[in-house]
C-alpha atoms as a PDB file:
ATOM      1  CA  UNK A   1     -18.521 -72.977  15.031  1.00  0.00           C
ATOM      2  CA  UNK A   2     -22.018 -71.860  15.646  1.00  0.00           C
ATOM      3  CA  UNK A   3     -23.598 -72.009  19.066  1.00  0.00           C
ATOM      4  CA  UNK A   4     -26.065 -74.671  19.927  1.00  0.00           C
ATOM      5  CA  UNK A   5     -28.670 -72.831  21.926  1.00  0.00           C
ATOM      6  CA  UNK A   6     -30.741 -74.770  24.689  1.00  0.00           C
ATOM      7  CA  UNK A   7     -34.392 -74.881  23.424  1.00  0.00           C
ATOM      8  CA  UNK A   8     -35.983 -75.903  26.726  1.00  0.00           C
ATOM      9  CA  UNK A   9     -35.935 -79.657  25.935  1.00  0.00           C
ATOM     10  CA  UNK A  10     -32.663 -80.522  27.708  1.00  0.00           C
ATOM     11  CA  UNK A  11     -30.305 -80.886  24.632  1.00  0.00           C
ATOM     12  CA  UNK A  12     -27.386 -83.071  25.285  1.00  0.00           C
ATOM     13  CA  UNK A  13     -25.040 -80.903  22.996  1.00  0.00           C
ATOM     14  CA  UNK A  14     -26.264 -77.435  23.872  1.00  0.00           C
ATOM     15  CA  UNK A  15     -23.439 -74.937  24.606  1.00  0.00           C
ATOM     16  CA  UNK A  16     -25.396 -71.657  25.277  1.00  0.00           C
ATOM     17  CA  UNK A  17     -28.504 -70.385  26.764  1.00  0.00           C
ATOM     18  CA  UNK A  18     -28.895 -67.544  24.290  1.00  0.00           C
ATOM     19  CA  UNK A  19     -28.163 -66.964  20.508  1.00  0.00           C
ATOM     20  CA  UNK A  20     -25.366 -64.663  19.361  1.00  0.00           C
ATOM     21  CA  UNK A  21     -28.009 -62.332  17.890  1.00  0.00           C
ATOM     22  CA  UNK A  22     -29.901 -61.931  21.118  1.00  0.00           C
ATOM     23  CA  UNK A  23     -26.848 -61.721  23.104  1.00  0.00           C
ATOM     24  CA  UNK A  24     -25.452 -58.887  21.020  1.00  0.00           C
ATOM     25  CA  UNK A  25     -28.757 -57.140  21.385  1.00  0.00           C
ATOM     26  CA  UNK A  26     -28.721 -57.476  25.163  1.00  0.00           C
ATOM     27  CA  UNK A  27     -25.074 -56.365  25.423  1.00  0.00           C
ATOM     28  CA  UNK A  28     -25.791 -53.209  23.297  1.00  0.00           C
ATOM     29  CA  UNK A  29     -28.872 -52.268  25.393  1.00  0.00           C
ATOM     30  CA  UNK A  30     -27.033 -52.660  28.649  1.00  0.00           C
ATOM     31  CA  UNK A  31     -23.582 -51.405  27.915  1.00  0.00           C
ATOM     32  CA  UNK A  32     -21.705 -54.658  27.584  1.00  0.00           C
ATOM     33  CA  UNK A  33     -19.634 -55.740  24.792  1.00  0.00           C
ATOM     34  CA  UNK A  34     -18.873 -58.981  22.950  1.00  0.00           C
ATOM     35  CA  UNK A  35     -15.952 -59.616  20.680  1.00  0.00           C
ATOM     36  CA  UNK A  36     -16.613 -58.276  17.146  1.00  0.00           C
ATOM     37  CA  UNK A  37     -15.531 -61.364  15.593  1.00  0.00           C
ATOM     38  CA  UNK A  38     -18.408 -63.953  15.629  1.00  0.00           C
ATOM     39  CA  UNK A  39     -16.132 -66.932  16.451  1.00  0.00           C
ATOM     40  CA  UNK A  40     -14.519 -65.062  19.349  1.00  0.00           C
ATOM     41  CA  UNK A  41     -17.943 -63.994  20.523  1.00  0.00           C
ATOM     42  CA  UNK A  42     -19.194 -67.622  20.447  1.00  0.00           C
ATOM     43  CA  UNK A  43     -16.168 -68.686  22.473  1.00  0.00           C
ATOM     44  CA  UNK A  44     -16.903 -65.898  25.031  1.00  0.00           C
ATOM     45  CA  UNK A  45     -20.594 -66.979  25.279  1.00  0.00           C
ATOM     46  CA  UNK A  46     -19.692 -70.652  25.808  1.00  0.00           C
ATOM     47  CA  UNK A  47     -17.356 -69.653  28.733  1.00  0.00           C
ATOM     48  CA  UNK A  48     -20.316 -67.418  29.897  1.00  0.00           C
ATOM     49  CA  UNK A  49     -22.687 -70.471  30.020  1.00  0.00           C
ATOM     50  CA  UNK A  50     -19.941 -72.424  31.864  1.00  0.00           C
ATOM     51  CA  UNK A  51     -19.754 -69.616  34.351  1.00  0.00           C
ATOM     52  CA  UNK A  52     -23.532 -69.795  34.946  1.00  0.00           C
ATOM     53  CA  UNK A  53     -23.411 -73.467  35.342  1.00  0.00           C
ATOM     54  CA  UNK A  54     -20.845 -73.074  38.198  1.00  0.00           C
ATOM     55  CA  UNK A  55     -23.872 -72.241  40.418  1.00  0.00           C
ATOM     56  CA  UNK A  56     -25.765 -75.349  39.499  1.00  0.00           C
ATOM     57  CA  UNK A  57     -25.529 -76.749  42.973  1.00  0.00           C
ATOM     58  CA  UNK A  58     -27.227 -73.647  44.303  1.00  0.00           C
ATOM     59  CA  UNK A  59     -30.165 -73.485  41.822  1.00  0.00           C
ATOM     60  CA  UNK A  60     -33.592 -74.711  42.803  1.00  0.00           C
ATOM     61  CA  UNK A  61     -34.987 -77.800  41.184  1.00  0.00           C
ATOM     62  CA  UNK A  62     -32.963 -80.361  39.194  1.00  0.00           C
ATOM     63  CA  UNK A  63     -32.025 -80.907  35.568  1.00  0.00           C
ATOM     64  CA  UNK A  64     -35.006 -81.700  33.351  1.00  0.00           C
ATOM     65  CA  UNK A  65     -33.184 -84.867  31.797  1.00  0.00           C
ATOM     66  CA  UNK A  66     -30.002 -86.566  32.881  1.00  0.00           C
ATOM     67  CA  UNK A  67     -28.316 -86.241  29.477  1.00  0.00           C
ATOM     68  CA  UNK A  68     -28.581 -82.449  29.164  1.00  0.00           C
ATOM     69  CA  UNK A  69     -25.291 -80.525  28.848  1.00  0.00           C
ATOM     70  CA  UNK A  70     -26.241 -77.388  30.678  1.00  0.00           C
ATOM     71  CA  UNK A  71     -27.854 -76.793  34.124  1.00  0.00           C
ATOM     72  CA  UNK A  72     -31.035 -75.453  32.601  1.00  0.00           C
ATOM     73  CA  UNK A  73     -34.014 -76.216  31.900  1.00  0.00           C
ATOM     74  CA  UNK A  74     -34.834 -77.532  35.390  1.00  0.00           C
ATOM     75  CA  UNK A  75     -37.926 -79.347  36.788  1.00  0.00           C
ATOM     76  CA  UNK A  76     -39.535 -77.931  40.004  1.00  0.00           C
ATOM     77  CA  UNK A  77     -37.386 -74.793  39.806  1.00  0.00           C
ATOM     78  CA  UNK A  78     -38.571 -71.609  41.218  1.00  0.00           C
ATOM     79  CA  UNK A  79     -37.717 -67.916  41.327  1.00  0.00           C
ATOM     80  CA  UNK A  80     -37.662 -66.058  44.613  1.00  0.00           C
ATOM     81  CA  UNK A  81     -39.800 -62.944  44.845  1.00  0.00           C
ATOM     82  CA  UNK A  82     -39.537 -61.712  48.396  1.00  0.00           C
ATOM     83  CA  UNK A  83     -41.010 -64.520  50.533  1.00  0.00           C
ATOM     84  CA  UNK A  84     -42.764 -65.940  47.549  1.00  0.00           C
ATOM     85  CA  UNK A  85     -41.627 -68.609  45.350  1.00  0.00           C
ATOM     86  CA  UNK A  86     -42.754 -68.574  41.661  1.00  0.00           C
ATOM     87  CA  UNK A  87     -42.579 -71.965  39.985  1.00  0.00           C
ATOM     88  CA  UNK A  88     -41.072 -71.755  36.478  1.00  0.00           C
ATOM     89  CA  UNK A  89     -41.997 -73.875  33.531  1.00  0.00           C
ATOM     90  CA  UNK A  90     -39.687 -76.829  33.070  1.00  0.00           C
ATOM     91  CA  UNK A  91     -39.370 -76.314  29.305  1.00  0.00           C
ATOM     92  CA  UNK A  92     -37.666 -72.934  29.402  1.00  0.00           C
ATOM     93  CA  UNK A  93     -34.521 -71.035  30.348  1.00  0.00           C
ATOM     94  CA  UNK A  94     -35.273 -67.840  32.397  1.00  0.00           C
ATOM     95  CA  UNK A  95     -34.086 -64.555  30.810  1.00  0.00           C
ATOM     96  CA  UNK A  96     -31.958 -63.954  33.892  1.00  0.00           C
ATOM     97  CA  UNK A  97     -30.016 -67.088  33.091  1.00  0.00           C
ATOM     98  CA  UNK A  98     -29.350 -65.961  29.571  1.00  0.00           C
ATOM     99  CA  UNK A  99     -28.433 -62.358  30.651  1.00  0.00           C
ATOM    100  CA  UNK A 100     -25.951 -63.752  33.259  1.00  0.00           C
ATOM    101  CA  UNK A 101     -24.338 -65.715  30.468  1.00  0.00           C
ATOM    102  CA  UNK A 102     -23.972 -62.455  28.426  1.00  0.00           C
ATOM    103  CA  UNK A 103     -22.572 -60.497  31.323  1.00  0.00           C
ATOM    104  CA  UNK A 104     -20.005 -63.198  32.111  1.00  0.00           C
ATOM    105  CA  UNK A 105     -19.106 -63.388  28.400  1.00  0.00           C
ATOM    106  CA  UNK A 106     -18.434 -59.705  28.425  1.00  0.00           C
ATOM    107  CA  UNK A 107     -15.763 -60.166  30.913  1.00  0.00           C
ATOM    108  CA  UNK A 108     -14.311 -63.277  29.158  1.00  0.00           C
ATOM    109  CA  UNK A 109     -14.272 -61.319  25.831  1.00  0.00           C
ATOM    110  CA  UNK A 110     -12.328 -58.539  27.468  1.00  0.00           C
ATOM    111  CA  UNK A 111      -9.677 -61.218  28.244  1.00  0.00           C
ATOM    112  CA  UNK A 112     -10.365 -61.477  32.107  1.00  0.00           C
ATOM    113  CA  UNK A 113      -9.130 -64.678  33.468  1.00  0.00           C
ATOM    114  CA  UNK A 114     -12.198 -65.285  35.587  1.00  0.00           C
ATOM    115  CA  UNK A 115     -11.358 -68.772  36.903  1.00  0.00           C
ATOM    116  CA  UNK A 116      -7.658 -68.460  37.297  1.00  0.00           C
ATOM    117  CA  UNK A 117      -5.721 -71.736  37.225  1.00  0.00           C
ATOM    118  CA  UNK A 118      -3.784 -70.777  40.452  1.00  0.00           C
ATOM    119  CA  UNK A 119      -3.774 -71.620  44.192  1.00  0.00           C
ATOM    120  CA  UNK A 120      -4.523 -67.887  44.825  1.00  0.00           C
ATOM    121  CA  UNK A 121      -1.621 -67.314  47.106  1.00  0.00           C
ATOM    122  CA  UNK A 122       1.152 -64.842  46.790  1.00  0.00           C
ATOM    123  CA  UNK A 123       4.136 -66.383  48.443  1.00  0.00           C
ATOM    124  CA  UNK A 124       6.884 -64.053  49.823  1.00  0.00           C
ATOM    125  CA  UNK A 125       9.193 -66.770  51.052  1.00  0.00           C
ATOM    126  CA  UNK A 126       9.307 -70.583  51.867  1.00  0.00           C
ATOM    127  CA  UNK A 127      11.624 -72.174  54.122  1.00  0.00           C
ATOM    128  CA  UNK A 128      12.323 -75.756  54.569  1.00  0.00           C
ATOM    129  CA  UNK A 129      14.488 -76.619  57.530  1.00  0.00           C
ATOM    130  CA  UNK A 130      12.910 -79.256  59.868  1.00  0.00           C
ATOM    131  CA  UNK A 131       9.501 -77.682  59.840  1.00  0.00           C
ATOM    132  CA  UNK A 132       8.032 -75.871  56.824  1.00  0.00           C
ATOM    133  CA  UNK A 133       7.590 -72.069  57.127  1.00  0.00           C
ATOM    134  CA  UNK A 134       5.668 -70.111  54.515  1.00  0.00           C
ATOM    135  CA  UNK A 135       4.950 -66.406  54.485  1.00  0.00           C
ATOM    136  CA  UNK A 136       2.670 -64.550  52.319  1.00  0.00           C
ATOM    137  CA  UNK A 137       2.092 -60.949  51.216  1.00  0.00           C
ATOM    138  CA  UNK A 138      -1.127 -59.021  50.476  1.00  0.00           C
ATOM    139  CA  UNK A 139      -2.889 -61.627  52.785  1.00  0.00           C
ATOM    140  CA  UNK A 140      -1.792 -64.237  50.341  1.00  0.00           C
ATOM    141  CA  UNK A 141      -4.179 -63.358  47.792  1.00  0.00           C
ATOM    142  CA  UNK A 142      -3.248 -62.690  44.149  1.00  0.00           C
ATOM    143  CA  UNK A 143      -6.609 -61.525  42.972  1.00  0.00           C
ATOM    144  CA  UNK A 144      -6.427 -63.802  39.900  1.00  0.00           C
ATOM    145  CA  UNK A 145      -9.835 -65.459  40.392  1.00  0.00           C
ATOM    146  CA  UNK A 146     -12.694 -63.180  39.868  1.00  0.00           C
ATOM    147  CA  UNK A 147     -16.322 -63.383  40.746  1.00  0.00           C
ATOM    148  CA  UNK A 148     -18.624 -61.718  38.304  1.00  0.00           C
ATOM    149  CA  UNK A 149     -20.964 -60.082  40.776  1.00  0.00           C
ATOM    150  CA  UNK A 150     -23.164 -58.523  38.123  1.00  0.00           C
ATOM    151  CA  UNK A 151     -23.854 -62.043  36.756  1.00  0.00           C
ATOM    152  CA  UNK A 152     -24.115 -63.578  40.192  1.00  0.00           C
ATOM    153  CA  UNK A 153     -26.694 -61.018  41.091  1.00  0.00           C
ATOM    154  CA  UNK A 154     -28.764 -61.979  37.936  1.00  0.00           C
ATOM    155  CA  UNK A 155     -28.659 -65.599  39.284  1.00  0.00           C
ATOM    156  CA  UNK A 156     -29.434 -64.899  42.851  1.00  0.00           C
ATOM    157  CA  UNK A 157     -33.181 -65.207  42.325  1.00  0.00           C
ATOM    158  CA  UNK A 158     -32.789 -68.802  41.389  1.00  0.00           C
ATOM    159  CA  UNK A 159     -30.849 -69.570  44.568  1.00  0.00           C
ATOM    160  CA  UNK A 160     -33.204 -69.056  47.129  1.00  0.00           C
ATOM    161  CA  UNK A 161     -32.060 -69.384  50.752  1.00  0.00           C
ATOM    162  CA  UNK A 162     -34.468 -70.313  53.487  1.00  0.00           C
ATOM    163  CA  UNK A 163     -34.055 -70.913  57.125  1.00  0.00           C
ATOM    164  CA  UNK A 164     -32.960 -74.317  58.412  1.00  0.00           C
ATOM    165  CA  UNK A 165     -36.743 -74.910  59.218  1.00  0.00           C
ATOM    166  CA  UNK A 166     -37.983 -74.386  55.602  1.00  0.00           C
ATOM    167  CA  UNK A 167     -39.523 -77.265  53.672  1.00  0.00           C
ATOM    168  CA  UNK A 168     -40.285 -77.379  50.114  1.00  0.00           C
ATOM    169  CA  UNK A 169     -43.371 -79.348  49.190  1.00  0.00           C
ATOM    170  CA  UNK A 170     -44.343 -80.419  45.831  1.00  0.00           C
ATOM    171  CA  UNK A 171     -47.728 -81.442  44.730  1.00  0.00           C
ATOM    172  CA  UNK A 172     -47.629 -84.829  42.775  1.00  0.00           C
END
């Protein structure tokens, strides 16, 4: 099924921030790959959009409309540029959001289980005699959940962190 690309209006059925054609062009230019089969590439891109949306709680601003299916577009959103905040048009999806989706889609397309359905613990042994005793190996980490740092880096400008004394003011 073809992607439904967010057009900046807050579509209720959008499942991608970028078209397959544009995603393939970005991937080619920056050394990423998407599955050759368009259907598989679309699935990877949908998962890439879901990965981007995992960070919604950290993005500046708020959803443009309540019914939109993706985290962007956003009203009152801004991009950090050093100490400055550059306000973004509320009817657009920044290129960095689109590119982060493609980067994540690259990893999904390679078969990486980014969001492993696992408790993340390697159990060496469990003992139940009165009290419960559990021991772990490799610090208990399976390494199954993965953060796609290249995609997260693309998103970081939209997750501005100020001091606890920073106030955001909006002119009405």
